[in-house]
Amino acid sequence: MFRRFDGTFGGEPVDFHHLDYIRICLDSQDALSTPEDRNAILDTPAGPERDAILDAGYEANMVAWPERHAFRLSAAFQDAPEHGWERFLWLCAYHNETAAAYTADPRAVCRF
């Protein structure tokens, strides 16, 4: 639930623990994003077809969440003053390292 950061910030060494919120959010994703997804599952008998629907929904959400997060980080970075960029660069690296554990889809990568 917590993650350790040991590095530099503002040219000074820092060492702290922070809430690993990206991992928490990705771990909480499931296959159902909409009422239509739920209905498709309920209307499909248990078996390979239902499993395929669930797998596809889960995989889509493992890309969608980090994709949206990366977009928001990028927008915030663009609006940040230059003296605030270092924290966004750190957050981008944290995002990419964590997202890579869930998906290899390039849409989930944060880039500035």
PDB file of N, CA and C in Angstrom:
ATOM      1  N   MET A   1       0.822  -1.186   0.000  1.00  0.00           N
ATOM      2  CA  MET A   1       0.000   0.000   0.000  1.00  0.00           C
ATOM      3  C   MET A   1       0.872   1.258   0.000  1.00  0.00           C
ATOM      4  N   PHE A   2       2.050   1.172   0.612  1.00  0.00           N
ATOM      5  CA  PHE A   2       2.977   2.296   0.600  1.00  0.00           C
ATOM      6  C   PHE A   2       4.195   1.944  -0.237  1.00  0.00           C
ATOM      7  N   ARG A   3       4.814   2.972  -0.763  1.00  0.00           N
ATOM      8  CA  ARG A   3       5.958   2.803  -1.639  1.00  0.00           C
ATOM      9  C   ARG A   3       7.050   3.754  -1.151  1.00  0.00           C
ATOM     10  N   ARG A   4       8.268   3.312  -1.215  1.00  0.00           N
ATOM     11  CA  ARG A   4       9.384   4.126  -0.747  1.00  0.00           C
ATOM     12  C   ARG A   4      10.016   4.866  -1.920  1.00  0.00           C
ATOM     13  N   PHE A   5      10.300   6.139  -1.695  1.00  0.00           N
ATOM     14  CA  PHE A   5      11.067   6.928  -2.653  1.00  0.00           C
ATOM     15  C   PHE A   5      12.375   7.310  -1.983  1.00  0.00           C
ATOM     16  N   ASP A   6      13.458   7.025  -2.648  1.00  0.00           N
ATOM     17  CA  ASP A   6      14.793   7.365  -2.164  1.00  0.00           C
ATOM     18  C   ASP A   6      15.536   7.967  -3.344  1.00  0.00           C
ATOM     19  N   GLY A   7      15.684   9.283  -3.336  1.00  0.00           N
ATOM     20  CA  GLY A   7      16.323   9.945  -4.461  1.00  0.00           C
ATOM     21  C   GLY A   7      16.629  11.388  -4.137  1.00  0.00           C
ATOM     22  N   THR A   8      16.523  12.242  -5.136  1.00  0.00           N
ATOM     23  CA  THR A   8      16.769  13.665  -4.922  1.00  0.00           C
ATOM     24  C   THR A   8      15.561  14.463  -5.371  1.00  0.00           C
ATOM     25  N   PHE A   9      15.378  15.597  -4.740  1.00  0.00           N
ATOM     26  CA  PHE A   9      14.333  16.536  -5.118  1.00  0.00           C
ATOM     27  C   PHE A   9      14.883  17.931  -4.860  1.00  0.00           C
ATOM     28  N   GLY A  10      14.855  18.759  -5.873  1.00  0.00           N
ATOM     29  CA  GLY A  10      15.415  20.098  -5.733  1.00  0.00           C
ATOM     30  C   GLY A  10      16.902  20.072  -5.442  1.00  0.00           C
ATOM     31  N   GLY A  11      17.558  19.024  -5.925  1.00  0.00           N
ATOM     32  CA  GLY A  11      18.988  18.894  -5.715  1.00  0.00           C
ATOM     33  C   GLY A  11      19.385  18.372  -4.345  1.00  0.00           C
ATOM     34  N   GLU A  12      18.405  18.067  -3.522  1.00  0.00           N
ATOM     35  CA  GLU A  12      18.659  17.569  -2.169  1.00  0.00           C
ATOM     36  C   GLU A  12      18.227  16.114  -2.056  1.00  0.00           C
ATOM     37  N   PRO A  13      18.965  15.318  -1.281  1.00  0.00           N
ATOM     38  CA  PRO A  13      18.533  13.923  -1.088  1.00  0.00           C
ATOM     39  C   PRO A  13      17.256  13.859  -0.249  1.00  0.00           C
ATOM     40  N   VAL A  14      16.349  12.993  -0.657  1.00  0.00           N
ATOM     41  CA  VAL A  14      15.098  12.784   0.085  1.00  0.00           C
ATOM     42  C   VAL A  14      14.816  11.287   0.174  1.00  0.00           C
ATOM     43  N   ASP A  15      14.129  10.922   1.223  1.00  0.00           N
ATOM     44  CA  ASP A  15      13.759   9.523   1.455  1.00  0.00           C
ATOM     45  C   ASP A  15      12.426   9.545   2.190  1.00  0.00           C
ATOM     46  N   PHE A  16      11.380   9.009   1.571  1.00  0.00           N
ATOM     47  CA  PHE A  16      10.069   9.011   2.209  1.00  0.00           C
ATOM     48  C   PHE A  16       9.217   7.879   1.657  1.00  0.00           C
ATOM     49  N   HIS A  17       8.119   7.614   2.323  1.00  0.00           N
ATOM     50  CA  HIS A  17       7.123   6.647   1.862  1.00  0.00           C
ATOM     51  C   HIS A  17       5.876   7.410   1.428  1.00  0.00           C
ATOM     52  N   HIS A  18       5.250   6.930   0.373  1.00  0.00           N
ATOM     53  CA  HIS A  18       4.016   7.564  -0.101  1.00  0.00           C
ATOM     54  C   HIS A  18       2.997   6.485  -0.435  1.00  0.00           C
ATOM     55  N   LEU A  19       1.749   6.879  -0.452  1.00  0.00           N
ATOM     56  CA  LEU A  19       0.663   5.973  -0.803  1.00  0.00           C
ATOM     57  C   LEU A  19       0.819   5.555  -2.259  1.00  0.00           C
ATOM     58  N   ASP A  20       0.822   4.273  -2.520  1.00  0.00           N
ATOM     59  CA  ASP A  20       0.967   3.744  -3.877  1.00  0.00           C
ATOM     60  C   ASP A  20      -0.411   3.737  -4.551  1.00  0.00           C
ATOM     61  N   TYR A  21      -0.922   4.950  -4.789  1.00  0.00           N
ATOM     62  CA  TYR A  21      -2.304   5.077  -5.250  1.00  0.00           C
ATOM     63  C   TYR A  21      -2.529   4.510  -6.643  1.00  0.00           C
ATOM     64  N   ILE A  22      -1.528   4.543  -7.508  1.00  0.00           N
ATOM     65  CA  ILE A  22      -1.733   4.000  -8.857  1.00  0.00           C
ATOM     66  C   ILE A  22      -1.957   2.492  -8.782  1.00  0.00           C
ATOM     67  N   ARG A  23      -1.141   1.804  -8.014  1.00  0.00           N
ATOM     68  CA  ARG A  23      -1.312   0.357  -7.844  1.00  0.00           C
ATOM     69  C   ARG A  23      -2.676   0.052  -7.203  1.00  0.00           C
ATOM     70  N   ILE A  24      -3.066   0.842  -6.211  1.00  0.00           N
ATOM     71  CA  ILE A  24      -4.366   0.635  -5.557  1.00  0.00           C
ATOM     72  C   ILE A  24      -5.495   0.790  -6.576  1.00  0.00           C
ATOM     73  N   CYS A  25      -5.427   1.836  -7.401  1.00  0.00           N
ATOM     74  CA  CYS A  25      -6.470   2.052  -8.410  1.00  0.00           C
ATOM     75  C   CYS A  25      -6.498   0.937  -9.450  1.00  0.00           C
ATOM     76  N   LEU A  26      -5.335   0.531  -9.925  1.00  0.00           N
ATOM     77  CA  LEU A  26      -5.305  -0.531 -10.932  1.00  0.00           C
ATOM     78  C   LEU A  26      -5.739  -1.870 -10.350  1.00  0.00           C
ATOM     79  N   ASP A  27      -5.369  -2.144  -9.114  1.00  0.00           N
ATOM     80  CA  ASP A  27      -5.816  -3.387  -8.477  1.00  0.00           C
ATOM     81  C   ASP A  27      -7.327  -3.424  -8.280  1.00  0.00           C
ATOM     82  N   SER A  28      -7.955  -2.264  -8.218  1.00  0.00           N
ATOM     83  CA  SER A  28      -9.397  -2.227  -7.971  1.00  0.00           C
ATOM     84  C   SER A  28     -10.224  -2.261  -9.255  1.00  0.00           C
ATOM     85  N   GLN A  29      -9.575  -2.269 -10.412  1.00  0.00           N
ATOM     86  CA  GLN A  29     -10.306  -2.317 -11.675  1.00  0.00           C
ATOM     87  C   GLN A  29     -10.935  -3.694 -11.879  1.00  0.00           C
ATOM     88  N   ASP A  30     -12.046  -3.699 -12.565  1.00  0.00           N
ATOM     89  CA  ASP A  30     -12.654  -4.977 -12.941  1.00  0.00           C
ATOM     90  C   ASP A  30     -13.086  -4.899 -14.398  1.00  0.00           C
ATOM     91  N   ALA A  31     -13.870  -5.843 -14.825  1.00  0.00           N
ATOM     92  CA  ALA A  31     -14.241  -5.940 -16.234  1.00  0.00           C
ATOM     93  C   ALA A  31     -15.442  -5.075 -16.605  1.00  0.00           C
ATOM     94  N   LEU A  32     -16.149  -4.576 -15.629  1.00  0.00           N
ATOM     95  CA  LEU A  32     -17.394  -3.875 -15.903  1.00  0.00           C
ATOM     96  C   LEU A  32     -17.220  -2.373 -15.746  1.00  0.00           C
ATOM     97  N   SER A  33     -17.441  -1.632 -16.815  1.00  0.00           N
ATOM     98  CA  SER A  33     -17.321  -0.173 -16.771  1.00  0.00           C
ATOM     99  C   SER A  33     -18.662   0.522 -16.919  1.00  0.00           C
ATOM    100  N   THR A  34     -19.606  -0.146 -17.551  1.00  0.00           N
ATOM    101  CA  THR A  34     -20.898   0.480 -17.845  1.00  0.00           C
ATOM    102  C   THR A  34     -22.028  -0.490 -17.532  1.00  0.00           C
ATOM    103  N   PRO A  35     -23.244   0.026 -17.442  1.00  0.00           N
ATOM    104  CA  PRO A  35     -24.400  -0.875 -17.286  1.00  0.00           C
ATOM    105  C   PRO A  35     -24.525  -1.863 -18.446  1.00  0.00           C
ATOM    106  N   GLU A  36     -24.096  -1.433 -19.642  1.00  0.00           N
ATOM    107  CA  GLU A  36     -24.155  -2.324 -20.797  1.00  0.00           C
ATOM    108  C   GLU A  36     -23.201  -3.508 -20.615  1.00  0.00           C
ATOM    109  N   ASP A  37     -22.035  -3.245 -20.032  1.00  0.00           N
ATOM    110  CA  ASP A  37     -21.092  -4.335 -19.746  1.00  0.00           C
ATOM    111  C   ASP A  37     -21.722  -5.340 -18.781  1.00  0.00           C
ATOM    112  N   ARG A  38     -22.358  -4.823 -17.759  1.00  0.00           N
ATOM    113  CA  ARG A  38     -23.007  -5.698 -16.760  1.00  0.00           C
ATOM    114  C   ARG A  38     -24.098  -6.539 -17.419  1.00  0.00           C
ATOM    115  N   ASN A  39     -24.895  -5.909 -18.257  1.00  0.00           N
ATOM    116  CA  ASN A  39     -25.974  -6.640 -18.935  1.00  0.00           C
ATOM    117  C   ASN A  39     -25.417  -7.715 -19.862  1.00  0.00           C
ATOM    118  N   ALA A  40     -24.326  -7.414 -20.560  1.00  0.00           N
ATOM    119  CA  ALA A  40     -23.724  -8.406 -21.452  1.00  0.00           C
ATOM    120  C   ALA A  40     -23.270  -9.625 -20.664  1.00  0.00           C
ATOM    121  N   ILE A  41     -22.719  -9.409 -19.495  1.00  0.00           N
ATOM    122  CA  ILE A  41     -22.276 -10.527 -18.651  1.00  0.00           C
ATOM    123  C   ILE A  41     -23.485 -11.318 -18.151  1.00  0.00           C
ATOM    124  N   LEU A  42     -24.501 -10.609 -17.683  1.00  0.00           N
ATOM    125  CA  LEU A  42     -25.684 -11.295 -17.156  1.00  0.00           C
ATOM    126  C   LEU A  42     -26.436 -12.066 -18.242  1.00  0.00           C
ATOM    127  N   ASP A  43     -26.370 -11.576 -19.474  1.00  0.00           N
ATOM    128  CA  ASP A  43     -27.080 -12.229 -20.581  1.00  0.00           C
ATOM    129  C   ASP A  43     -26.294 -13.377 -21.208  1.00  0.00           C
ATOM    130  N   THR A  44     -25.057 -13.574 -20.782  1.00  0.00           N
ATOM    131  CA  THR A  44     -24.212 -14.615 -21.366  1.00  0.00           C
ATOM    132  C   THR A  44     -24.050 -15.750 -20.370  1.00  0.00           C
ATOM    133  N   PRO A  45     -24.367 -16.972 -20.772  1.00  0.00           N
ATOM    134  CA  PRO A  45     -24.214 -18.099 -19.847  1.00  0.00           C
ATOM    135  C   PRO A  45     -22.753 -18.288 -19.430  1.00  0.00           C
ATOM    136  N   ALA A  46     -22.569 -18.818 -18.239  1.00  0.00           N
ATOM    137  CA  ALA A  46     -21.218 -19.109 -17.753  1.00  0.00           C
ATOM    138  C   ALA A  46     -20.511 -20.016 -18.751  1.00  0.00           C
ATOM    139  N   GLY A  47     -19.241 -19.730 -18.973  1.00  0.00           N
ATOM    140  CA  GLY A  47     -18.460 -20.533 -19.908  1.00  0.00           C
ATOM    141  C   GLY A  47     -17.450 -19.679 -20.641  1.00  0.00           C
ATOM    142  N   PRO A  48     -16.886 -20.231 -21.702  1.00  0.00           N
ATOM    143  CA  PRO A  48     -15.808 -19.539 -22.416  1.00  0.00           C
ATOM    144  C   PRO A  48     -16.208 -18.177 -22.997  1.00  0.00           C
ATOM    145  N   GLU A  49     -17.445 -18.064 -23.494  1.00  0.00           N
ATOM    146  CA  GLU A  49     -17.866 -16.786 -24.078  1.00  0.00           C
ATOM    147  C   GLU A  49     -17.938 -15.697 -23.005  1.00  0.00           C
ATOM    148  N   ARG A  50     -18.498 -16.027 -21.852  1.00  0.00           N
ATOM    149  CA  ARG A  50     -18.567 -15.065 -20.745  1.00  0.00           C
ATOM    150  C   ARG A  50     -17.156 -14.726 -20.257  1.00  0.00           C
ATOM    151  N   ASP A  51     -16.305 -15.733 -20.143  1.00  0.00           N
ATOM    152  CA  ASP A  51     -14.924 -15.503 -19.720  1.00  0.00           C
ATOM    153  C   ASP A  51     -14.210 -14.558 -20.679  1.00  0.00           C
ATOM    154  N   ALA A  52     -14.457 -14.721 -21.975  1.00  0.00           N
ATOM    155  CA  ALA A  52     -13.827 -13.861 -22.977  1.00  0.00           C
ATOM    156  C   ALA A  52     -14.301 -12.417 -22.825  1.00  0.00           C
ATOM    157  N   ILE A  53     -15.590 -12.219 -22.541  1.00  0.00           N
ATOM    158  CA  ILE A  53     -16.122 -10.867 -22.327  1.00  0.00           C
ATOM    159  C   ILE A  53     -15.477 -10.246 -21.092  1.00  0.00           C
ATOM    160  N   LEU A  54     -15.384 -11.015 -20.019  1.00  0.00           N
ATOM    161  CA  LEU A  54     -14.760 -10.511 -18.793  1.00  0.00           C
ATOM    162  C   LEU A  54     -13.282 -10.179 -19.006  1.00  0.00           C
ATOM    163  N   ASP A  55     -12.575 -11.063 -19.686  1.00  0.00           N
ATOM    164  CA  ASP A  55     -11.148 -10.823 -19.952  1.00  0.00           C
ATOM    165  C   ASP A  55     -10.944  -9.568 -20.785  1.00  0.00           C
ATOM    166  N   ALA A  56     -11.763  -9.400 -21.817  1.00  0.00           N
ATOM    167  CA  ALA A  56     -11.630  -8.224 -22.688  1.00  0.00           C
ATOM    168  C   ALA A  56     -11.929  -6.937 -21.919  1.00  0.00           C
ATOM    169  N   GLY A  57     -12.946  -6.975 -21.072  1.00  0.00           N
ATOM    170  CA  GLY A  57     -13.284  -5.792 -20.268  1.00  0.00           C
ATOM    171  C   GLY A  57     -12.187  -5.438 -19.285  1.00  0.00           C
ATOM    172  N   TYR A  58     -11.641  -6.451 -18.633  1.00  0.00           N
ATOM    173  CA  TYR A  58     -10.558  -6.221 -17.681  1.00  0.00           C
ATOM    174  C   TYR A  58      -9.331  -5.638 -18.398  1.00  0.00           C
ATOM    175  N   GLU A  59      -8.948  -6.246 -19.523  1.00  0.00           N
ATOM    176  CA  GLU A  59      -7.792  -5.759 -20.277  1.00  0.00           C
ATOM    177  C   GLU A  59      -8.010  -4.323 -20.760  1.00  0.00           C
ATOM    178  N   ALA A  60      -9.215  -3.997 -21.184  1.00  0.00           N
ATOM    179  CA  ALA A  60      -9.518  -2.632 -21.624  1.00  0.00           C
ATOM    180  C   ALA A  60      -9.361  -1.644 -20.475  1.00  0.00           C
ATOM    181  N   ASN A  61      -9.824  -2.018 -19.286  1.00  0.00           N
ATOM    182  CA  ASN A  61      -9.707  -1.129 -18.137  1.00  0.00           C
ATOM    183  C   ASN A  61      -8.261  -0.990 -17.648  1.00  0.00           C
ATOM    184  N   MET A  62      -7.445  -2.000 -17.883  1.00  0.00           N
ATOM    185  CA  MET A  62      -6.027  -1.918 -17.504  1.00  0.00           C
ATOM    186  C   MET A  62      -5.264  -0.963 -18.416  1.00  0.00           C
ATOM    187  N   VAL A  63      -5.865  -0.601 -19.534  1.00  0.00           N
ATOM    188  CA  VAL A  63      -5.291   0.417 -20.417  1.00  0.00           C
ATOM    189  C   VAL A  63      -5.985   1.759 -20.178  1.00  0.00           C
ATOM    190  N   ALA A  64      -7.308   1.733 -20.035  1.00  0.00           N
ATOM    191  CA  ALA A  64      -8.077   2.972 -19.932  1.00  0.00           C
ATOM    192  C   ALA A  64      -7.701   3.802 -18.712  1.00  0.00           C
ATOM    193  N   TRP A  65      -7.560   3.160 -17.547  1.00  0.00           N
ATOM    194  CA  TRP A  65      -7.246   3.941 -16.345  1.00  0.00           C
ATOM    195  C   TRP A  65      -5.885   4.630 -16.478  1.00  0.00           C
ATOM    196  N   PRO A  66      -4.796   3.905 -16.780  1.00  0.00           N
ATOM    197  CA  PRO A  66      -3.522   4.618 -16.897  1.00  0.00           C
ATOM    198  C   PRO A  66      -3.482   5.601 -18.069  1.00  0.00           C
ATOM    199  N   GLU A  67      -4.229   5.331 -19.123  1.00  0.00           N
ATOM    200  CA  GLU A  67      -4.279   6.272 -20.242  1.00  0.00           C
ATOM    201  C   GLU A  67      -4.886   7.606 -19.788  1.00  0.00           C
ATOM    202  N   ARG A  68      -5.996   7.542 -19.057  1.00  0.00           N
ATOM    203  CA  ARG A  68      -6.629   8.767 -18.538  1.00  0.00           C
ATOM    204  C   ARG A  68      -5.713   9.469 -17.540  1.00  0.00           C
ATOM    205  N   HIS A  69      -5.069   8.696 -16.667  1.00  0.00           N
ATOM    206  CA  HIS A  69      -4.163   9.275 -15.674  1.00  0.00           C
ATOM    207  C   HIS A  69      -2.992   9.974 -16.371  1.00  0.00           C
ATOM    208  N   ALA A  70      -2.411   9.344 -17.377  1.00  0.00           N
ATOM    209  CA  ALA A  70      -1.299   9.938 -18.115  1.00  0.00           C
ATOM    210  C   ALA A  70      -1.740  11.230 -18.804  1.00  0.00           C
ATOM    211  N   PHE A  71      -2.934  11.240 -19.363  1.00  0.00           N
ATOM    212  CA  PHE A  71      -3.456  12.439 -20.012  1.00  0.00           C
ATOM    213  C   PHE A  71      -3.577  13.583 -19.006  1.00  0.00           C
ATOM    214  N   ARG A  72      -4.105  13.270 -17.817  1.00  0.00           N
ATOM    215  CA  ARG A  72      -4.268  14.307 -16.789  1.00  0.00           C
ATOM    216  C   ARG A  72      -2.912  14.813 -16.286  1.00  0.00           C
ATOM    217  N   LEU A  73      -1.954  13.908 -16.133  1.00  0.00           N
ATOM    218  CA  LEU A  73      -0.610  14.332 -15.725  1.00  0.00           C
ATOM    219  C   LEU A  73       0.005  15.254 -16.769  1.00  0.00           C
ATOM    220  N   SER A  74      -0.136  14.888 -18.022  1.00  0.00           N
ATOM    221  CA  SER A  74       0.433  15.686 -19.098  1.00  0.00           C
ATOM    222  C   SER A  74      -0.199  17.077 -19.125  1.00  0.00           C
ATOM    223  N   ALA A  75      -1.506  17.148 -18.960  1.00  0.00           N
ATOM    224  CA  ALA A  75      -2.191  18.444 -18.952  1.00  0.00           C
ATOM    225  C   ALA A  75      -1.741  19.287 -17.765  1.00  0.00           C
ATOM    226  N   ALA A  76      -1.597  18.668 -16.605  1.00  0.00           N
ATOM    227  CA  ALA A  76      -1.144  19.401 -15.420  1.00  0.00           C
ATOM    228  C   ALA A  76       0.295  19.876 -15.593  1.00  0.00           C
ATOM    229  N   PHE A  77       1.133  19.037 -16.200  1.00  0.00           N
ATOM    230  CA  PHE A  77       2.523  19.417 -16.453  1.00  0.00           C
ATOM    231  C   PHE A  77       2.580  20.644 -17.357  1.00  0.00           C
ATOM    232  N   GLN A  78       1.752  20.659 -18.404  1.00  0.00           N
ATOM    233  CA  GLN A  78       1.740  21.789 -19.345  1.00  0.00           C
ATOM    234  C   GLN A  78       1.344  23.087 -18.655  1.00  0.00           C
ATOM    235  N   ASP A  79       0.486  22.991 -17.639  1.00  0.00           N
ATOM    236  CA  ASP A  79       0.012  24.182 -16.924  1.00  0.00           C
ATOM    237  C   ASP A  79       0.916  24.584 -15.766  1.00  0.00           C
ATOM    238  N   ALA A  80       1.861  23.728 -15.397  1.00  0.00           N
ATOM    239  CA  ALA A  80       2.701  23.982 -14.226  1.00  0.00           C
ATOM    240  C   ALA A  80       3.825  24.965 -14.553  1.00  0.00           C
ATOM    241  N   PRO A  81       4.195  25.772 -13.570  1.00  0.00           N
ATOM    242  CA  PRO A  81       5.366  26.628 -13.778  1.00  0.00           C
ATOM    243  C   PRO A  81       6.628  25.770 -13.830  1.00  0.00           C
ATOM    244  N   GLU A  82       7.648  26.267 -14.475  1.00  0.00           N
ATOM    245  CA  GLU A  82       8.869  25.487 -14.662  1.00  0.00           C
ATOM    246  C   GLU A  82       9.451  24.984 -13.345  1.00  0.00           C
ATOM    247  N   HIS A  83       9.355  25.781 -12.281  1.00  0.00           N
ATOM    248  CA  HIS A  83       9.918  25.334 -10.999  1.00  0.00           C
ATOM    249  C   HIS A  83       9.137  24.146 -10.408  1.00  0.00           C
ATOM    250  N   GLY A  84       7.980  23.805 -10.958  1.00  0.00           N
ATOM    251  CA  GLY A  84       7.200  22.664 -10.476  1.00  0.00           C
ATOM    252  C   GLY A  84       7.340  21.413 -11.328  1.00  0.00           C
ATOM    253  N   TRP A  85       8.125  21.492 -12.400  1.00  0.00           N
ATOM    254  CA  TRP A  85       8.236  20.372 -13.333  1.00  0.00           C
ATOM    255  C   TRP A  85       8.854  19.139 -12.700  1.00  0.00           C
ATOM    256  N   GLU A  86       9.778  19.300 -11.784  1.00  0.00           N
ATOM    257  CA  GLU A  86      10.490  18.150 -11.217  1.00  0.00           C
ATOM    258  C   GLU A  86       9.526  17.152 -10.572  1.00  0.00           C
ATOM    259  N   ARG A  87       8.533  17.648  -9.864  1.00  0.00           N
ATOM    260  CA  ARG A  87       7.585  16.722  -9.227  1.00  0.00           C
ATOM    261  C   ARG A  87       6.735  15.989 -10.259  1.00  0.00           C
ATOM    262  N   PHE A  88       6.423  16.646 -11.381  1.00  0.00           N
ATOM    263  CA  PHE A  88       5.667  15.966 -12.430  1.00  0.00           C
ATOM    264  C   PHE A  88       6.520  14.920 -13.146  1.00  0.00           C
ATOM    265  N   LEU A  89       7.787  15.215 -13.315  1.00  0.00           N
ATOM    266  CA  LEU A  89       8.679  14.233 -13.930  1.00  0.00           C
ATOM    267  C   LEU A  89       8.788  12.992 -13.047  1.00  0.00           C
ATOM    268  N   TRP A  90       8.868  13.197 -11.737  1.00  0.00           N
ATOM    269  CA  TRP A  90       8.892  12.065 -10.810  1.00  0.00           C
ATOM    270  C   TRP A  90       7.570  11.290 -10.894  1.00  0.00           C
ATOM    271  N   LEU A  91       6.455  12.008 -10.892  1.00  0.00           N
ATOM    272  CA  LEU A  91       5.149  11.354 -10.949  1.00  0.00           C
ATOM    273  C   LEU A  91       4.970  10.592 -12.257  1.00  0.00           C
ATOM    274  N   CYS A  92       5.457  11.131 -13.352  1.00  0.00           N
ATOM    275  CA  CYS A  92       5.403  10.439 -14.643  1.00  0.00           C
ATOM    276  C   CYS A  92       6.201   9.135 -14.581  1.00  0.00           C
ATOM    277  N   ALA A  93       7.393   9.179 -13.995  1.00  0.00           N
ATOM    278  CA  ALA A  93       8.216   7.965 -13.882  1.00  0.00           C
ATOM    279  C   ALA A  93       7.527   6.929 -12.996  1.00  0.00           C
ATOM    280  N   TYR A  94       6.944   7.368 -11.891  1.00  0.00           N
ATOM    281  CA  TYR A  94       6.192   6.464 -11.007  1.00  0.00           C
ATOM    282  C   TYR A  94       5.017   5.852 -11.773  1.00  0.00           C
ATOM    283  N   HIS A  95       4.290   6.676 -12.503  1.00  0.00           N
ATOM    284  CA  HIS A  95       3.160   6.194 -13.306  1.00  0.00           C
ATOM    285  C   HIS A  95       3.615   5.107 -14.280  1.00  0.00           C
ATOM    286  N   ASN A  96       4.663   5.395 -15.038  1.00  0.00           N
ATOM    287  CA  ASN A  96       5.114   4.453 -16.069  1.00  0.00           C
ATOM    288  C   ASN A  96       5.619   3.144 -15.470  1.00  0.00           C
ATOM    289  N   GLU A  97       6.357   3.231 -14.387  1.00  0.00           N
ATOM    290  CA  GLU A  97       6.861   2.013 -13.750  1.00  0.00           C
ATOM    291  C   GLU A  97       5.710   1.146 -13.247  1.00  0.00           C
ATOM    292  N   THR A  98       4.727   1.778 -12.633  1.00  0.00           N
ATOM    293  CA  THR A  98       3.602   1.011 -12.094  1.00  0.00           C
ATOM    294  C   THR A  98       2.699   0.485 -13.201  1.00  0.00           C
ATOM    295  N   ALA A  99       2.357   1.316 -14.174  1.00  0.00           N
ATOM    296  CA  ALA A  99       1.475   0.890 -15.271  1.00  0.00           C
ATOM    297  C   ALA A  99       2.091  -0.261 -16.052  1.00  0.00           C
ATOM    298  N   ALA A 100       3.408  -0.255 -16.214  1.00  0.00           N
ATOM    299  CA  ALA A 100       4.078  -1.311 -16.973  1.00  0.00           C
ATOM    300  C   ALA A 100       3.908  -2.685 -16.329  1.00  0.00           C
ATOM    301  N   ALA A 101       3.629  -2.716 -15.042  1.00  0.00           N
ATOM    302  CA  ALA A 101       3.387  -3.991 -14.365  1.00  0.00           C
ATOM    303  C   ALA A 101       2.010  -4.557 -14.719  1.00  0.00           C
ATOM    304  N   TYR A 102       1.144  -3.735 -15.321  1.00  0.00           N
ATOM    305  CA  TYR A 102      -0.219  -4.152 -15.641  1.00  0.00           C
ATOM    306  C   TYR A 102      -0.478  -4.283 -17.139  1.00  0.00           C
ATOM    307  N   THR A 103       0.206  -3.479 -17.944  1.00  0.00           N
ATOM    308  CA  THR A 103      -0.036  -3.510 -19.386  1.00  0.00           C
ATOM    309  C   THR A 103       1.203  -3.042 -20.144  1.00  0.00           C
ATOM    310  N   ALA A 104       1.371  -3.595 -21.326  1.00  0.00           N
ATOM    311  CA  ALA A 104       2.451  -3.169 -22.212  1.00  0.00           C
ATOM    312  C   ALA A 104       1.922  -2.229 -23.298  1.00  0.00           C
ATOM    313  N   ASP A 105       0.643  -1.895 -23.231  1.00  0.00           N
ATOM    314  CA  ASP A 105       0.015  -1.031 -24.238  1.00  0.00           C
ATOM    315  C   ASP A 105       0.624   0.371 -24.175  1.00  0.00           C
ATOM    316  N   PRO A 106       1.113   0.880 -25.304  1.00  0.00           N
ATOM    317  CA  PRO A 106       1.758   2.204 -25.297  1.00  0.00           C
ATOM    318  C   PRO A 106       0.824   3.356 -24.936  1.00  0.00           C
ATOM    319  N   ARG A 107      -0.486   3.149 -25.030  1.00  0.00           N
ATOM    320  CA  ARG A 107      -1.424   4.211 -24.645  1.00  0.00           C
ATOM    321  C   ARG A 107      -1.390   4.488 -23.157  1.00  0.00           C
ATOM    322  N   ALA A 108      -0.871   3.543 -22.368  1.00  0.00           N
ATOM    323  CA  ALA A 108      -0.816   3.708 -20.914  1.00  0.00           C
ATOM    324  C   ALA A 108       0.427   4.461 -20.461  1.00  0.00           C
ATOM    325  N   VAL A 109       1.312   4.802 -21.382  1.00  0.00           N
ATOM    326  CA  VAL A 109       2.580   5.452 -21.032  1.00  0.00           C
ATOM    327  C   VAL A 109       2.388   6.953 -20.904  1.00  0.00           C
ATOM    328  N   CYS A 110       2.967   7.528 -19.866  1.00  0.00           N
ATOM    329  CA  CYS A 110       2.944   8.965 -19.642  1.00  0.00           C
ATOM    330  C   CYS A 110       4.159   9.576 -20.328  1.00  0.00           C
ATOM    331  N   ARG A 111       3.911  10.596 -21.146  1.00  0.00           N
ATOM    332  CA  ARG A 111       4.994  11.305 -21.843  1.00  0.00           C
ATOM    333  C   ARG A 111       4.730  12.801 -21.762  1.00  0.00           C
ATOM    334  N   PHE A 112       5.793  13.552 -21.564  1.00  0.00           N
ATOM    335  CA  PHE A 112       5.669  15.032 -21.582  1.00  0.00           C
ATOM    336  C   PHE A 112       6.422  15.548 -22.785  1.00  0.00           C
TER     337      PHE A 112
END
